[in-house]
Amino acid sequence: MYSTDLTDTRWQIIKRTLHLDERKRKHCLRSIWNAIFYLVKTGCQWRMLPVNFPKWQLVYYYYRKWVNGEHFDLLLDNLRNKERVKRGQKGKPSLGIMDSQTVRWGNNRSFNGIDE
């Protein structure tokens, strides 16, 4: 058991939001989600995933599948909407603001050419 493991409540939210099916599998989807959260929190390499999780290849397969299917975006949208409603705002934002900032980096003198 790791501190990154899902609680029962959080797992139920993920299952409901993504409509995950309950078919028979060798490894349950909750253990795969726990492995992904472990990887994100610790920053370890895929191949260094502890042995009590499913094999890294399987975890990576589901991770790519869920990223390409925009499952993480759906979860974040759902979470953001709930948090906005809890704060007394509308679920969807009605306005967005973009800003840019100029940042100096490194030694910019190297960009000046010298003509001889």
Protein backbone atom coordinates (compact mmCIF):
# COMPACT_ATOMS: atom_id res chain seq x y z
CA MET A 1 0.00 0.00 0.00
CA TYR A 2 1.41 3.36 -1.05
CA SER A 3 0.35 6.88 -0.14
CA THR A 4 -0.53 7.41 -3.82
CA ASP A 5 -3.11 4.57 -3.85
CA LEU A 6 -6.71 5.54 -4.57
CA THR A 7 -9.24 5.64 -1.77
CA ASP A 8 -12.53 3.82 -2.32
CA THR A 9 -14.35 7.13 -2.84
CA ARG A 10 -11.90 8.38 -5.46
CA TRP A 11 -11.97 5.04 -7.26
CA GLN A 12 -15.78 5.15 -7.42
CA ILE A 13 -15.61 8.66 -8.93
CA ILE A 14 -13.18 7.48 -11.62
CA LYS A 15 -15.30 4.41 -12.39
CA ARG A 16 -18.50 6.47 -12.68
CA THR A 17 -16.93 9.25 -14.74
CA LEU A 18 -15.20 6.98 -17.25
CA HIS A 19 -17.91 4.28 -17.29
CA LEU A 20 -15.34 1.54 -16.68
CA ASP A 21 -16.75 -1.93 -17.20
CA GLU A 22 -16.51 -4.70 -14.62
CA ARG A 23 -15.44 -7.52 -16.91
CA LYS A 24 -13.04 -10.20 -15.71
CA ARG A 25 -9.37 -9.19 -16.00
CA LYS A 26 -6.10 -10.62 -14.77
CA HIS A 27 -5.29 -7.25 -13.13
CA CYS A 28 -8.00 -4.91 -11.89
CA LEU A 29 -8.09 -1.41 -13.34
CA ARG A 30 -7.74 0.08 -9.88
CA SER A 31 -4.24 -1.41 -9.53
CA ILE A 32 -3.33 0.07 -12.92
CA TRP A 33 -4.58 3.51 -11.84
CA ASN A 34 -2.59 3.12 -8.61
CA ALA A 35 0.52 2.35 -10.65
CA ILE A 36 -0.01 5.44 -12.83
CA PHE A 37 -0.46 7.64 -9.76
CA TYR A 38 2.71 6.12 -8.26
CA LEU A 39 4.65 6.92 -11.45
CA VAL A 40 3.36 10.48 -11.58
CA LYS A 41 4.08 11.18 -7.91
CA THR A 42 7.52 9.55 -7.69
CA GLY A 43 8.75 10.28 -11.21
CA CYS A 44 10.27 6.82 -11.50
CA GLN A 45 10.92 5.18 -14.84
CA TRP A 46 8.32 2.83 -16.32
CA ARG A 47 10.69 -0.12 -16.05
CA MET A 48 11.38 0.68 -12.38
CA LEU A 49 7.76 0.21 -11.33
CA PRO A 50 7.64 -1.87 -8.12
CA VAL A 51 6.79 -5.55 -8.56
CA ASN A 52 3.53 -5.40 -6.57
CA PHE A 53 1.99 -3.42 -9.46
CA PRO A 54 1.11 -5.02 -12.80
CA LYS A 55 3.94 -5.24 -15.34
CA TRP A 56 5.05 -1.87 -16.63
CA GLN A 57 4.12 -2.80 -20.21
CA LEU A 58 0.48 -3.31 -19.22
CA VAL A 59 0.37 -0.10 -17.20
CA TYR A 60 1.91 1.79 -20.13
CA TYR A 61 -0.60 0.24 -22.55
CA TYR A 62 -3.55 1.49 -20.49
CA TYR A 63 -1.90 4.86 -19.89
CA ARG A 64 -1.50 5.43 -23.67
CA LYS A 65 -5.03 4.17 -24.30
CA TRP A 66 -6.51 6.56 -21.74
CA VAL A 67 -4.39 9.50 -22.90
CA ASN A 68 -5.39 8.99 -26.53
CA GLY A 69 -9.03 8.53 -25.52
CA GLU A 70 -8.87 11.80 -23.55
CA HIS A 71 -9.95 10.06 -20.34
CA PHE A 72 -7.66 12.25 -18.22
CA ASP A 73 -9.15 15.40 -19.79
CA LEU A 74 -12.64 14.13 -18.98
CA LEU A 75 -11.68 13.51 -15.35
CA LEU A 76 -10.07 16.95 -15.01
CA ASP A 77 -13.08 18.68 -16.60
CA ASN A 78 -15.41 16.84 -14.23
CA LEU A 79 -13.28 17.73 -11.20
CA ARG A 80 -12.98 21.39 -12.24
CA ASN A 81 -16.74 21.68 -12.79
CA LYS A 82 -17.49 20.21 -9.36
CA GLU A 83 -14.99 22.54 -7.69
CA ARG A 84 -16.45 25.60 -9.47
CA VAL A 85 -19.99 24.67 -8.40
CA LYS A 86 -18.78 24.14 -4.84
CA ARG A 87 -17.39 27.71 -4.89
CA GLY A 88 -20.73 29.09 -6.10
CA GLN A 89 -19.69 29.61 -9.72
CA LYS A 90 -21.12 28.20 -12.93
CA GLY A 91 -19.77 24.78 -13.87
CA LYS A 92 -18.30 25.99 -17.15
CA PRO A 93 -16.21 29.18 -17.30
CA SER A 94 -17.68 31.98 -19.39
CA LEU A 95 -14.45 33.90 -19.96
CA GLY A 96 -10.81 33.05 -20.56
CA ILE A 97 -7.78 35.34 -20.35
CA MET A 98 -4.49 34.76 -22.11
CA ASP A 99 -1.33 36.59 -21.16
CA SER A 100 2.19 36.52 -22.49
CA GLN A 101 5.43 37.37 -20.81
CA THR A 102 8.87 38.06 -22.20
CA VAL A 103 11.63 36.24 -20.38
CA ARG A 104 15.33 36.78 -20.89
CA TRP A 105 17.37 33.62 -20.80
CA GLY A 106 21.04 32.80 -21.11
CA ASN A 107 23.65 34.96 -22.75
CA ASN A 108 21.83 36.69 -25.61
CA ARG A 109 25.02 38.29 -26.93
CA SER A 110 25.70 35.17 -28.94
CA PHE A 111 22.78 36.08 -31.23
CA ASN A 112 24.52 39.28 -32.36
CA GLY A 113 26.62 38.61 -35.44
CA ILE A 114 30.01 40.18 -36.09
CA ASP A 115 30.68 41.31 -39.65
CA GLU A 116 34.35 41.59 -40.49
